Amino acid sequence: MSYKEQFIWKRAVQLAVNCYKATRLFPPAELYSLTSQIRCSSVSVASNIAEGYGRRSKQEYIQFLHVALGSLRELDTQLIIAKEVDLVQQDVLTPLLSEVEEMQSILVATLNKLKA
């Protein structure tokens, strides 16, 4: 099985795509600031899931899933800040924040299953 067939990876990629689409609406002055950070954090989630899946042991995979979870929490914080400073309409960010919460639940559940 490839990491590309994993539900968790597919969801993470979709989250990154949605973050890229949302940040296109940010003011140009934010391009090298919050826009860049949101994009990097969202890409990091999917990338760490993929990288961990390719490692030799389950323990290494778990480690990379923890890194992905950290990136997801960074992303959550950045989206909250973007929402609070009104970088884009709330109807754009609210679904993203919900998606981040869902992704966090999926990651935590996957970690718990792997650790059991």
PDB file of N, CA and C in Angstrom:
ATOM      1  N   MET A   1       0.848  -1.184   0.000  1.00  0.00           N
ATOM      2  CA  MET A   1       0.000   0.000   0.000  1.00  0.00           C
ATOM      3  C   MET A   1       0.891   1.244   0.000  1.00  0.00           C
ATOM      4  N   SER A   2       0.548   2.208  -0.777  1.00  0.00           N
ATOM      5  CA  SER A   2       1.272   3.466  -0.872  1.00  0.00           C
ATOM      6  C   SER A   2       0.661   4.493   0.087  1.00  0.00           C
ATOM      7  N   TYR A   3       1.465   5.447   0.514  1.00  0.00           N
ATOM      8  CA  TYR A   3       0.934   6.525   1.350  1.00  0.00           C
ATOM      9  C   TYR A   3      -0.169   7.283   0.623  1.00  0.00           C
ATOM     10  N   LYS A   4      -0.118   7.274  -0.720  1.00  0.00           N
ATOM     11  CA  LYS A   4      -1.120   7.993  -1.514  1.00  0.00           C
ATOM     12  C   LYS A   4      -2.507   7.355  -1.418  1.00  0.00           C
ATOM     13  N   GLU A   5      -2.562   6.134  -0.947  1.00  0.00           N
ATOM     14  CA  GLU A   5      -3.836   5.434  -0.789  1.00  0.00           C
ATOM     15  C   GLU A   5      -4.428   5.623   0.606  1.00  0.00           C
ATOM     16  N   GLN A   6      -3.665   6.241   1.494  1.00  0.00           N
ATOM     17  CA  GLN A   6      -4.123   6.438   2.864  1.00  0.00           C
ATOM     18  C   GLN A   6      -5.130   7.584   2.946  1.00  0.00           C
ATOM     19  N   PHE A   7      -6.202   7.325   3.665  1.00  0.00           N
ATOM     20  CA  PHE A   7      -7.239   8.335   3.891  1.00  0.00           C
ATOM     21  C   PHE A   7      -6.647   9.575   4.561  1.00  0.00           C
ATOM     22  N   ILE A   8      -5.808   9.365   5.547  1.00  0.00           N
ATOM     23  CA  ILE A   8      -5.231  10.474   6.317  1.00  0.00           C
ATOM     24  C   ILE A   8      -4.390  11.388   5.422  1.00  0.00           C
ATOM     25  N   TRP A   9      -3.627  10.801   4.515  1.00  0.00           N
ATOM     26  CA  TRP A   9      -2.806  11.601   3.603  1.00  0.00           C
ATOM     27  C   TRP A   9      -3.698  12.368   2.623  1.00  0.00           C
ATOM     28  N   LYS A  10      -4.707  11.711   2.087  1.00  0.00           N
ATOM     29  CA  LYS A  10      -5.621  12.374   1.140  1.00  0.00           C
ATOM     30  C   LYS A  10      -6.300  13.576   1.781  1.00  0.00           C
ATOM     31  N   ARG A  11      -6.730  13.415   3.029  1.00  0.00           N
ATOM     32  CA  ARG A  11      -7.380  14.531   3.742  1.00  0.00           C
ATOM     33  C   ARG A  11      -6.397  15.678   3.975  1.00  0.00           C
ATOM     34  N   ALA A  12      -5.162  15.330   4.297  1.00  0.00           N
ATOM     35  CA  ALA A  12      -4.149  16.360   4.533  1.00  0.00           C
ATOM     36  C   ALA A  12      -3.838  17.129   3.248  1.00  0.00           C
ATOM     37  N   VAL A  13      -3.770  16.429   2.136  1.00  0.00           N
ATOM     38  CA  VAL A  13      -3.527  17.097   0.850  1.00  0.00           C
ATOM     39  C   VAL A  13      -4.689  18.036   0.526  1.00  0.00           C
ATOM     40  N   GLN A  14      -5.916  17.576   0.751  1.00  0.00           N
ATOM     41  CA  GLN A  14      -7.080  18.421   0.480  1.00  0.00           C
ATOM     42  C   GLN A  14      -7.075  19.659   1.364  1.00  0.00           C
ATOM     43  N   LEU A  15      -6.661  19.501   2.608  1.00  0.00           N
ATOM     44  CA  LEU A  15      -6.552  20.649   3.511  1.00  0.00           C
ATOM     45  C   LEU A  15      -5.539  21.660   2.969  1.00  0.00           C
ATOM     46  N   ALA A  16      -4.400  21.186   2.500  1.00  0.00           N
ATOM     47  CA  ALA A  16      -3.382  22.080   1.938  1.00  0.00           C
ATOM     48  C   ALA A  16      -3.914  22.814   0.706  1.00  0.00           C
ATOM     49  N   VAL A  17      -4.602  22.090  -0.155  1.00  0.00           N
ATOM     50  CA  VAL A  17      -5.202  22.710  -1.353  1.00  0.00           C
ATOM     51  C   VAL A  17      -6.183  23.803  -0.938  1.00  0.00           C
ATOM     52  N   ASN A  18      -7.015  23.510   0.050  1.00  0.00           N
ATOM     53  CA  ASN A  18      -7.998  24.488   0.515  1.00  0.00           C
ATOM     54  C   ASN A  18      -7.329  25.704   1.150  1.00  0.00           C
ATOM     55  N   CYS A  19      -6.212  25.485   1.825  1.00  0.00           N
ATOM     56  CA  CYS A  19      -5.470  26.607   2.410  1.00  0.00           C
ATOM     57  C   CYS A  19      -4.881  27.491   1.315  1.00  0.00           C
ATOM     58  N   TYR A  20      -4.350  26.877   0.277  1.00  0.00           N
ATOM     59  CA  TYR A  20      -3.807  27.659  -0.845  1.00  0.00           C
ATOM     60  C   TYR A  20      -4.907  28.499  -1.488  1.00  0.00           C
ATOM     61  N   LYS A  21      -6.067  27.894  -1.677  1.00  0.00           N
ATOM     62  CA  LYS A  21      -7.185  28.632  -2.298  1.00  0.00           C
ATOM     63  C   LYS A  21      -7.615  29.801  -1.418  1.00  0.00           C
ATOM     64  N   ALA A  22      -7.693  29.561  -0.117  1.00  0.00           N
ATOM     65  CA  ALA A  22      -8.133  30.622   0.794  1.00  0.00           C
ATOM     66  C   ALA A  22      -7.117  31.751   0.871  1.00  0.00           C
ATOM     67  N   THR A  23      -5.831  31.416   0.889  1.00  0.00           N
ATOM     68  CA  THR A  23      -4.818  32.465   1.030  1.00  0.00           C
ATOM     69  C   THR A  23      -4.656  33.300  -0.240  1.00  0.00           C
ATOM     70  N   ARG A  24      -5.168  32.821  -1.344  1.00  0.00           N
ATOM     71  CA  ARG A  24      -5.177  33.657  -2.559  1.00  0.00           C
ATOM     72  C   ARG A  24      -6.007  34.920  -2.359  1.00  0.00           C
ATOM     73  N   LEU A  25      -6.928  34.858  -1.390  1.00  0.00           N
ATOM     74  CA  LEU A  25      -7.813  35.982  -1.113  1.00  0.00           C
ATOM     75  C   LEU A  25      -7.209  36.971  -0.116  1.00  0.00           C
ATOM     76  N   PHE A  26      -6.075  36.621   0.476  1.00  0.00           N
ATOM     77  CA  PHE A  26      -5.425  37.502   1.440  1.00  0.00           C
ATOM     78  C   PHE A  26      -4.858  38.722   0.723  1.00  0.00           C
ATOM     79  N   PRO A  27      -4.686  39.814   1.437  1.00  0.00           N
ATOM     80  CA  PRO A  27      -4.076  41.004   0.831  1.00  0.00           C
ATOM     81  C   PRO A  27      -2.649  40.700   0.357  1.00  0.00           C
ATOM     82  N   PRO A  28      -2.229  41.311  -0.741  1.00  0.00           N
ATOM     83  CA  PRO A  28      -0.868  41.087  -1.256  1.00  0.00           C
ATOM     84  C   PRO A  28       0.228  41.381  -0.228  1.00  0.00           C
ATOM     85  N   ALA A  29      -0.017  42.288   0.684  1.00  0.00           N
ATOM     86  CA  ALA A  29       0.979  42.639   1.705  1.00  0.00           C
ATOM     87  C   ALA A  29       1.277  41.462   2.630  1.00  0.00           C
ATOM     88  N   GLU A  30       0.396  40.481   2.673  1.00  0.00           N
ATOM     89  CA  GLU A  30       0.576  39.307   3.543  1.00  0.00           C
ATOM     90  C   GLU A  30       1.299  38.160   2.847  1.00  0.00           C
ATOM     91  N   LEU A  31       1.671  38.319   1.591  1.00  0.00           N
ATOM     92  CA  LEU A  31       2.252  37.227   0.815  1.00  0.00           C
ATOM     93  C   LEU A  31       3.443  36.577   1.505  1.00  0.00           C
ATOM     94  N   TYR A  32       4.337  37.373   2.073  1.00  0.00           N
ATOM     95  CA  TYR A  32       5.541  36.815   2.690  1.00  0.00           C
ATOM     96  C   TYR A  32       5.401  36.691   4.206  1.00  0.00           C
ATOM     97  N   SER A  33       4.210  36.806   4.676  1.00  0.00           N
ATOM     98  CA  SER A  33       3.968  36.724   6.106  1.00  0.00           C
ATOM     99  C   SER A  33       3.021  35.564   6.401  1.00  0.00           C
ATOM    100  N   LEU A  34       1.812  35.888   6.798  1.00  0.00           N
ATOM    101  CA  LEU A  34       0.863  34.843   7.199  1.00  0.00           C
ATOM    102  C   LEU A  34       0.473  33.934   6.035  1.00  0.00           C
ATOM    103  N   THR A  35       0.389  34.466   4.840  1.00  0.00           N
ATOM    104  CA  THR A  35       0.067  33.637   3.669  1.00  0.00           C
ATOM    105  C   THR A  35       1.105  32.531   3.515  1.00  0.00           C
ATOM    106  N   SER A  36       2.354  32.896   3.553  1.00  0.00           N
ATOM    107  CA  SER A  36       3.441  31.929   3.400  1.00  0.00           C
ATOM    108  C   SER A  36       3.453  30.914   4.540  1.00  0.00           C
ATOM    109  N   GLN A  37       3.251  31.373   5.759  1.00  0.00           N
ATOM    110  CA  GLN A  37       3.263  30.473   6.911  1.00  0.00           C
ATOM    111  C   GLN A  37       2.116  29.473   6.853  1.00  0.00           C
ATOM    112  N   ILE A  38       0.937  29.921   6.475  1.00  0.00           N
ATOM    113  CA  ILE A  38      -0.220  29.033   6.369  1.00  0.00           C
ATOM    114  C   ILE A  38       0.031  27.975   5.300  1.00  0.00           C
ATOM    115  N   ARG A  39       0.558  28.405   4.182  1.00  0.00           N
ATOM    116  CA  ARG A  39       0.841  27.445   3.111  1.00  0.00           C
ATOM    117  C   ARG A  39       1.886  26.426   3.540  1.00  0.00           C
ATOM    118  N   CYS A  40       2.946  26.887   4.173  1.00  0.00           N
ATOM    119  CA  CYS A  40       4.010  25.963   4.612  1.00  0.00           C
ATOM    120  C   CYS A  40       3.496  24.981   5.660  1.00  0.00           C
ATOM    121  N   SER A  41       2.754  25.452   6.631  1.00  0.00           N
ATOM    122  CA  SER A  41       2.221  24.572   7.672  1.00  0.00           C
ATOM    123  C   SER A  41       1.296  23.520   7.091  1.00  0.00           C
ATOM    124  N   SER A  42       0.432  23.936   6.174  1.00  0.00           N
ATOM    125  CA  SER A  42      -0.528  22.988   5.605  1.00  0.00           C
ATOM    126  C   SER A  42       0.174  21.937   4.758  1.00  0.00           C
ATOM    127  N   VAL A  43       1.172  22.335   4.005  1.00  0.00           N
ATOM    128  CA  VAL A  43       1.937  21.381   3.195  1.00  0.00           C
ATOM    129  C   VAL A  43       2.731  20.432   4.094  1.00  0.00           C
ATOM    130  N   SER A  44       3.215  20.942   5.202  1.00  0.00           N
ATOM    131  CA  SER A  44       3.996  20.136   6.136  1.00  0.00           C
ATOM    132  C   SER A  44       3.190  18.984   6.716  1.00  0.00           C
ATOM    133  N   VAL A  45       1.912  19.180   6.935  1.00  0.00           N
ATOM    134  CA  VAL A  45       1.074  18.109   7.486  1.00  0.00           C
ATOM    135  C   VAL A  45       1.093  16.905   6.547  1.00  0.00           C
ATOM    136  N   ALA A  46       0.737  17.122   5.296  1.00  0.00           N
ATOM    137  CA  ALA A  46       0.704  16.024   4.323  1.00  0.00           C
ATOM    138  C   ALA A  46       2.099  15.456   4.068  1.00  0.00           C
ATOM    139  N   SER A  47       3.097  16.319   4.019  1.00  0.00           N
ATOM    140  CA  SER A  47       4.464  15.874   3.740  1.00  0.00           C
ATOM    141  C   SER A  47       5.000  14.966   4.837  1.00  0.00           C
ATOM    142  N   ASN A  48       4.731  15.303   6.084  1.00  0.00           N
ATOM    143  CA  ASN A  48       5.208  14.472   7.193  1.00  0.00           C
ATOM    144  C   ASN A  48       4.477  13.140   7.276  1.00  0.00           C
ATOM    145  N   ILE A  49       3.217  13.124   6.907  1.00  0.00           N
ATOM    146  CA  ILE A  49       2.483  11.860   6.849  1.00  0.00           C
ATOM    147  C   ILE A  49       3.129  10.956   5.798  1.00  0.00           C
ATOM    148  N   ALA A  50       3.416  11.522   4.647  1.00  0.00           N
ATOM    149  CA  ALA A  50       4.038  10.752   3.561  1.00  0.00           C
ATOM    150  C   ALA A  50       5.440  10.279   3.949  1.00  0.00           C
ATOM    151  N   GLU A  51       6.229  11.193   4.508  1.00  0.00           N
ATOM    152  CA  GLU A  51       7.599  10.821   4.867  1.00  0.00           C
ATOM    153  C   GLU A  51       7.618   9.741   5.947  1.00  0.00           C
ATOM    154  N   GLY A  52       6.765   9.885   6.925  1.00  0.00           N
ATOM    155  CA  GLY A  52       6.710   8.885   7.991  1.00  0.00           C
ATOM    156  C   GLY A  52       6.279   7.523   7.502  1.00  0.00           C
ATOM    157  N   TYR A  53       5.379   7.512   6.549  1.00  0.00           N
ATOM    158  CA  TYR A  53       4.892   6.238   6.011  1.00  0.00           C
ATOM    159  C   TYR A  53       6.013   5.477   5.314  1.00  0.00           C
ATOM    160  N   GLY A  54       6.972   6.205   4.776  1.00  0.00           N
ATOM    161  CA  GLY A  54       8.081   5.581   4.065  1.00  0.00           C
ATOM    162  C   GLY A  54       9.225   5.150   4.964  1.00  0.00           C
ATOM    163  N   ARG A  55       9.116   5.380   6.249  1.00  0.00           N
ATOM    164  CA  ARG A  55      10.190   5.005   7.176  1.00  0.00           C
ATOM    165  C   ARG A  55      10.154   3.512   7.486  1.00  0.00           C
ATOM    166  N   ARG A  56      11.201   3.056   8.127  1.00  0.00           N
ATOM    167  CA  ARG A  56      11.390   1.620   8.338  1.00  0.00           C
ATOM    168  C   ARG A  56      10.552   1.035   9.459  1.00  0.00           C
ATOM    169  N   SER A  57      10.220   1.828  10.454  1.00  0.00           N
ATOM    170  CA  SER A  57       9.535   1.250  11.604  1.00  0.00           C
ATOM    171  C   SER A  57       8.251   2.010  11.937  1.00  0.00           C
ATOM    172  N   LYS A  58       7.396   1.331  12.665  1.00  0.00           N
ATOM    173  CA  LYS A  58       6.156   1.954  13.120  1.00  0.00           C
ATOM    174  C   LYS A  58       6.469   3.121  14.047  1.00  0.00           C
ATOM    175  N   GLN A  59       7.513   2.976  14.865  1.00  0.00           N
ATOM    176  CA  GLN A  59       7.890   4.040  15.790  1.00  0.00           C
ATOM    177  C   GLN A  59       8.299   5.311  15.046  1.00  0.00           C
ATOM    178  N   GLU A  60       9.024   5.158  13.950  1.00  0.00           N
ATOM    179  CA  GLU A  60       9.398   6.328  13.144  1.00  0.00           C
ATOM    180  C   GLU A  60       8.161   6.968  12.521  1.00  0.00           C
ATOM    181  N   TYR A  61       7.233   6.136  12.048  1.00  0.00           N
ATOM    182  CA  TYR A  61       5.985   6.654  11.484  1.00  0.00           C
ATOM    183  C   TYR A  61       5.232   7.462  12.531  1.00  0.00           C
ATOM    184  N   ILE A  62       5.151   6.937  13.738  1.00  0.00           N
ATOM    185  CA  ILE A  62       4.477   7.638  14.835  1.00  0.00           C
ATOM    186  C   ILE A  62       5.150   8.988  15.085  1.00  0.00           C
ATOM    187  N   GLN A  63       6.472   9.007  15.057  1.00  0.00           N
ATOM    188  CA  GLN A  63       7.221  10.253  15.267  1.00  0.00           C
ATOM    189  C   GLN A  63       6.840  11.300  14.209  1.00  0.00           C
ATOM    190  N   PHE A  64       6.761  10.882  12.946  1.00  0.00           N
ATOM    191  CA  PHE A  64       6.409  11.818  11.884  1.00  0.00           C
ATOM    192  C   PHE A  64       4.949  12.257  11.981  1.00  0.00           C
ATOM    193  N   LEU A  65       4.084  11.388  12.463  1.00  0.00           N
ATOM    194  CA  LEU A  65       2.692  11.798  12.668  1.00  0.00           C
ATOM    195  C   LEU A  65       2.599  12.849  13.767  1.00  0.00           C
ATOM    196  N   HIS A  66       3.458  12.736  14.774  1.00  0.00           N
ATOM    197  CA  HIS A  66       3.506  13.769  15.816  1.00  0.00           C
ATOM    198  C   HIS A  66       3.986  15.103  15.236  1.00  0.00           C
ATOM    199  N   VAL A  67       4.947  15.052  14.337  1.00  0.00           N
ATOM    200  CA  VAL A  67       5.422  16.280  13.678  1.00  0.00           C
ATOM    201  C   VAL A  67       4.274  16.876  12.845  1.00  0.00           C
ATOM    202  N   ALA A  68       3.546  16.021  12.139  1.00  0.00           N
ATOM    203  CA  ALA A  68       2.395  16.487  11.348  1.00  0.00           C
ATOM    204  C   ALA A  68       1.352  17.139  12.253  1.00  0.00           C
ATOM    205  N   LEU A  69       1.136  16.544  13.417  1.00  0.00           N
ATOM    206  CA  LEU A  69       0.180  17.117  14.371  1.00  0.00           C
ATOM    207  C   LEU A  69       0.652  18.485  14.856  1.00  0.00           C
ATOM    208  N   GLY A  70       1.954  18.627  15.073  1.00  0.00           N
ATOM    209  CA  GLY A  70       2.497  19.936  15.453  1.00  0.00           C
ATOM    210  C   GLY A  70       2.283  20.971  14.366  1.00  0.00           C
ATOM    211  N   SER A  71       2.516  20.576  13.121  1.00  0.00           N
ATOM    212  CA  SER A  71       2.285  21.487  11.987  1.00  0.00           C
ATOM    213  C   SER A  71       0.816  21.857  11.880  1.00  0.00           C
ATOM    214  N   LEU A  72      -0.043  20.910  12.171  1.00  0.00           N
ATOM    215  CA  LEU A  72      -1.488  21.167  12.123  1.00  0.00           C
ATOM    216  C   LEU A  72      -1.886  22.179  13.191  1.00  0.00           C
ATOM    217  N   ARG A  73      -1.276  22.074  14.347  1.00  0.00           N
ATOM    218  CA  ARG A  73      -1.572  23.033  15.415  1.00  0.00           C
ATOM    219  C   ARG A  73      -1.004  24.419  15.094  1.00  0.00           C
ATOM    220  N   GLU A  74       0.131  24.453  14.415  1.00  0.00           N
ATOM    221  CA  GLU A  74       0.655  25.731  13.909  1.00  0.00           C
ATOM    222  C   GLU A  74      -0.352  26.348  12.941  1.00  0.00           C
ATOM    223  N   LEU A  75      -0.828  25.528  12.018  1.00  0.00           N
ATOM    224  CA  LEU A  75      -1.795  25.983  11.019  1.00  0.00           C
ATOM    225  C   LEU A  75      -3.051  26.524  11.689  1.00  0.00           C
ATOM    226  N   ASP A  76      -3.547  25.820  12.677  1.00  0.00           N
ATOM    227  CA  ASP A  76      -4.738  26.252  13.408  1.00  0.00           C
ATOM    228  C   ASP A  76      -4.515  27.640  14.005  1.00  0.00           C
ATOM    229  N   THR A  77      -3.367  27.829  14.637  1.00  0.00           N
ATOM    230  CA  THR A  77      -3.039  29.118  15.249  1.00  0.00           C
ATOM    231  C   THR A  77      -2.967  30.222  14.197  1.00  0.00           C
ATOM    232  N   GLN A  78      -2.345  29.935  13.083  1.00  0.00           N
ATOM    233  CA  GLN A  78      -2.206  30.934  12.020  1.00  0.00           C
ATOM    234  C   GLN A  78      -3.560  31.313  11.430  1.00  0.00           C
ATOM    235  N   LEU A  79      -4.431  30.340  11.263  1.00  0.00           N
ATOM    236  CA  LEU A  79      -5.773  30.628  10.737  1.00  0.00           C
ATOM    237  C   LEU A  79      -6.592  31.439  11.729  1.00  0.00           C
ATOM    238  N   ILE A  80      -6.435  31.137  13.009  1.00  0.00           N
ATOM    239  CA  ILE A  80      -7.141  31.917  14.038  1.00  0.00           C
ATOM    240  C   ILE A  80      -6.677  33.370  13.994  1.00  0.00           C
ATOM    241  N   ILE A  81      -5.376  33.576  13.884  1.00  0.00           N
ATOM    242  CA  ILE A  81      -4.846  34.941  13.807  1.00  0.00           C
ATOM    243  C   ILE A  81      -5.369  35.642  12.554  1.00  0.00           C
ATOM    244  N   ALA A  82      -5.354  34.949  11.421  1.00  0.00           N
ATOM    245  CA  ALA A  82      -5.868  35.529  10.177  1.00  0.00           C
ATOM    246  C   ALA A  82      -7.328  35.936  10.328  1.00  0.00           C
ATOM    247  N   LYS A  83      -8.088  35.111  11.014  1.00  0.00           N
ATOM    248  CA  LYS A  83      -9.503  35.408  11.245  1.00  0.00           C
ATOM    249  C   LYS A  83      -9.656  36.624  12.158  1.00  0.00           C
ATOM    250  N   GLU A  84      -8.857  36.662  13.224  1.00  0.00           N
ATOM    251  CA  GLU A  84      -8.956  37.747  14.208  1.00  0.00           C
ATOM    252  C   GLU A  84      -8.549  39.109  13.639  1.00  0.00           C
ATOM    253  N   VAL A  85      -7.630  39.121  12.703  1.00  0.00           N
ATOM    254  CA  VAL A  85      -7.192  40.399  12.129  1.00  0.00           C
ATOM    255  C   VAL A  85      -7.901  40.694  10.799  1.00  0.00           C
ATOM    256  N   ASP A  86      -8.929  39.907  10.508  1.00  0.00           N
ATOM    257  CA  ASP A  86      -9.786  40.151   9.338  1.00  0.00           C
ATOM    258  C   ASP A  86      -9.028  40.187   8.015  1.00  0.00           C
ATOM    259  N   LEU A  87      -8.152  39.205   7.807  1.00  0.00           N
ATOM    260  CA  LEU A  87      -7.435  39.150   6.526  1.00  0.00           C
ATOM    261  C   LEU A  87      -8.339  38.713   5.386  1.00  0.00           C
ATOM    262  N   VAL A  88      -9.384  38.002   5.713  1.00  0.00           N
ATOM    263  CA  VAL A  88     -10.324  37.520   4.711  1.00  0.00           C
ATOM    264  C   VAL A  88     -11.660  37.301   5.416  1.00  0.00           C
ATOM    265  N   GLN A  89     -12.719  37.231   4.654  1.00  0.00           N
ATOM    266  CA  GLN A  89     -14.043  37.050   5.252  1.00  0.00           C
ATOM    267  C   GLN A  89     -14.114  35.763   6.060  1.00  0.00           C
ATOM    268  N   GLN A  90     -14.850  35.824   7.139  1.00  0.00           N
ATOM    269  CA  GLN A  90     -14.944  34.681   8.045  1.00  0.00           C
ATOM    270  C   GLN A  90     -15.560  33.456   7.385  1.00  0.00           C
ATOM    271  N   ASP A  91     -16.419  33.659   6.391  1.00  0.00           N
ATOM    272  CA  ASP A  91     -17.025  32.502   5.729  1.00  0.00           C
ATOM    273  C   ASP A  91     -16.002  31.695   4.935  1.00  0.00           C
ATOM    274  N   VAL A  92     -14.820  32.262   4.710  1.00  0.00           N
ATOM    275  CA  VAL A  92     -13.727  31.540   4.056  1.00  0.00           C
ATOM    276  C   VAL A  92     -12.922  30.757   5.094  1.00  0.00           C
ATOM    277  N   LEU A  93     -12.655  31.384   6.232  1.00  0.00           N
ATOM    278  CA  LEU A  93     -11.804  30.756   7.235  1.00  0.00           C
ATOM    279  C   LEU A  93     -12.535  29.762   8.135  1.00  0.00           C
ATOM    280  N   THR A  94     -13.797  29.988   8.416  1.00  0.00           N
ATOM    281  CA  THR A  94     -14.527  29.106   9.329  1.00  0.00           C
ATOM    282  C   THR A  94     -14.537  27.649   8.844  1.00  0.00           C
ATOM    283  N   PRO A  95     -14.805  27.374   7.561  1.00  0.00           N
ATOM    284  CA  PRO A  95     -14.747  25.971   7.112  1.00  0.00           C
ATOM    285  C   PRO A  95     -13.329  25.383   7.213  1.00  0.00           C
ATOM    286  N   LEU A  96     -12.317  26.200   6.997  1.00  0.00           N
ATOM    287  CA  LEU A  96     -10.936  25.730   7.131  1.00  0.00           C
ATOM    288  C   LEU A  96     -10.629  25.350   8.576  1.00  0.00           C
ATOM    289  N   LEU A  97     -11.082  26.165   9.505  1.00  0.00           N
ATOM    290  CA  LEU A  97     -10.860  25.858  10.912  1.00  0.00           C
ATOM    291  C   LEU A  97     -11.561  24.560  11.302  1.00  0.00           C
ATOM    292  N   SER A  98     -12.737  24.332  10.759  1.00  0.00           N
ATOM    293  CA  SER A  98     -13.445  23.064  11.008  1.00  0.00           C
ATOM    294  C   SER A  98     -12.678  21.887  10.410  1.00  0.00           C
ATOM    295  N   GLU A  99     -12.136  22.098   9.229  1.00  0.00           N
ATOM    296  CA  GLU A  99     -11.352  21.054   8.564  1.00  0.00           C
ATOM    297  C   GLU A  99     -10.092  20.716   9.372  1.00  0.00           C
ATOM    298  N   VAL A 100      -9.481  21.738   9.961  1.00  0.00           N
ATOM    299  CA  VAL A 100      -8.309  21.522  10.805  1.00  0.00           C
ATOM    300  C   VAL A 100      -8.691  20.689  12.027  1.00  0.00           C
ATOM    301  N   GLU A 101      -9.823  20.997  12.634  1.00  0.00           N
ATOM    302  CA  GLU A 101     -10.289  20.227  13.794  1.00  0.00           C
ATOM    303  C   GLU A 101     -10.540  18.767  13.419  1.00  0.00           C
ATOM    304  N   GLU A 102     -11.162  18.546  12.275  1.00  0.00           N
ATOM    305  CA  GLU A 102     -11.405  17.179  11.806  1.00  0.00           C
ATOM    306  C   GLU A 102     -10.091  16.445  11.563  1.00  0.00           C
ATOM    307  N   MET A 103      -9.158  17.125  10.942  1.00  0.00           N
ATOM    308  CA  MET A 103      -7.855  16.529  10.651  1.00  0.00           C
ATOM    309  C   MET A 103      -7.123  16.188  11.940  1.00  0.00           C
ATOM    310  N   GLN A 104      -7.249  17.044  12.929  1.00  0.00           N
ATOM    311  CA  GLN A 104      -6.621  16.778  14.219  1.00  0.00           C
ATOM    312  C   GLN A 104      -7.220  15.512  14.841  1.00  0.00           C
ATOM    313  N   SER A 105      -8.528  15.371  14.774  1.00  0.00           N
ATOM    314  CA  SER A 105      -9.177  14.172  15.304  1.00  0.00           C
ATOM    315  C   SER A 105      -8.698  12.917  14.582  1.00  0.00           C
ATOM    316  N   ILE A 106      -8.554  13.009  13.277  1.00  0.00           N
ATOM    317  CA  ILE A 106      -8.091  11.871  12.474  1.00  0.00           C
ATOM    318  C   ILE A 106      -6.660  11.504  12.851  1.00  0.00           C
ATOM    319  N   LEU A 107      -5.806  12.508  12.977  1.00  0.00           N
ATOM    320  CA  LEU A 107      -4.408  12.258  13.334  1.00  0.00           C
ATOM    321  C   LEU A 107      -4.289  11.648  14.727  1.00  0.00           C
ATOM    322  N   VAL A 108      -5.006  12.189  15.688  1.00  0.00           N
ATOM    323  CA  VAL A 108      -4.952  11.671  17.059  1.00  0.00           C
ATOM    324  C   VAL A 108      -5.478  10.241  17.102  1.00  0.00           C
ATOM    325  N   ALA A 109      -6.572   9.977  16.401  1.00  0.00           N
ATOM    326  CA  ALA A 109      -7.119   8.619  16.366  1.00  0.00           C
ATOM    327  C   ALA A 109      -6.123   7.646  15.737  1.00  0.00           C
ATOM    328  N   THR A 110      -5.462   8.086  14.678  1.00  0.00           N
ATOM    329  CA  THR A 110      -4.456   7.231  14.004  1.00  0.00           C
ATOM    330  C   THR A 110      -3.287   6.957  14.946  1.00  0.00           C
ATOM    331  N   LEU A 111      -2.830   7.982  15.635  1.00  0.00           N
ATOM    332  CA  LEU A 111      -1.745   7.806  16.603  1.00  0.00           C
ATOM    333  C   LEU A 111      -2.138   6.839  17.712  1.00  0.00           C
ATOM    334  N   ASN A 112      -3.337   7.009  18.231  1.00  0.00           N
ATOM    335  CA  ASN A 112      -3.796   6.119  19.307  1.00  0.00           C
ATOM    336  C   ASN A 112      -3.883   4.672  18.840  1.00  0.00           C
ATOM    337  N   LYS A 113      -4.343   4.495  17.619  1.00  0.00           N
ATOM    338  CA  LYS A 113      -4.448   3.138  17.057  1.00  0.00           C
ATOM    339  C   LYS A 113      -3.061   2.521  16.878  1.00  0.00           C
ATOM    340  N   LEU A 114      -2.114   3.297  16.372  1.00  0.00           N
ATOM    341  CA  LEU A 114      -0.764   2.791  16.161  1.00  0.00           C
ATOM    342  C   LEU A 114      -0.040   2.479  17.466  1.00  0.00           C
ATOM    343  N   LYS A 115      -0.337   3.246  18.500  1.00  0.00           N
ATOM    344  CA  LYS A 115       0.323   3.058  19.796  1.00  0.00           C
ATOM    345  C   LYS A 115      -0.282   1.907  20.601  1.00  0.00           C
ATOM    346  N   ALA A 116      -1.496   1.504  20.247  1.00  0.00           N
ATOM    347  CA  ALA A 116      -2.191   0.444  21.006  1.00  0.00           C
ATOM    348  C   ALA A 116      -1.549  -0.920  20.799  1.00  0.00           C
TER     349      ALA A 116
END
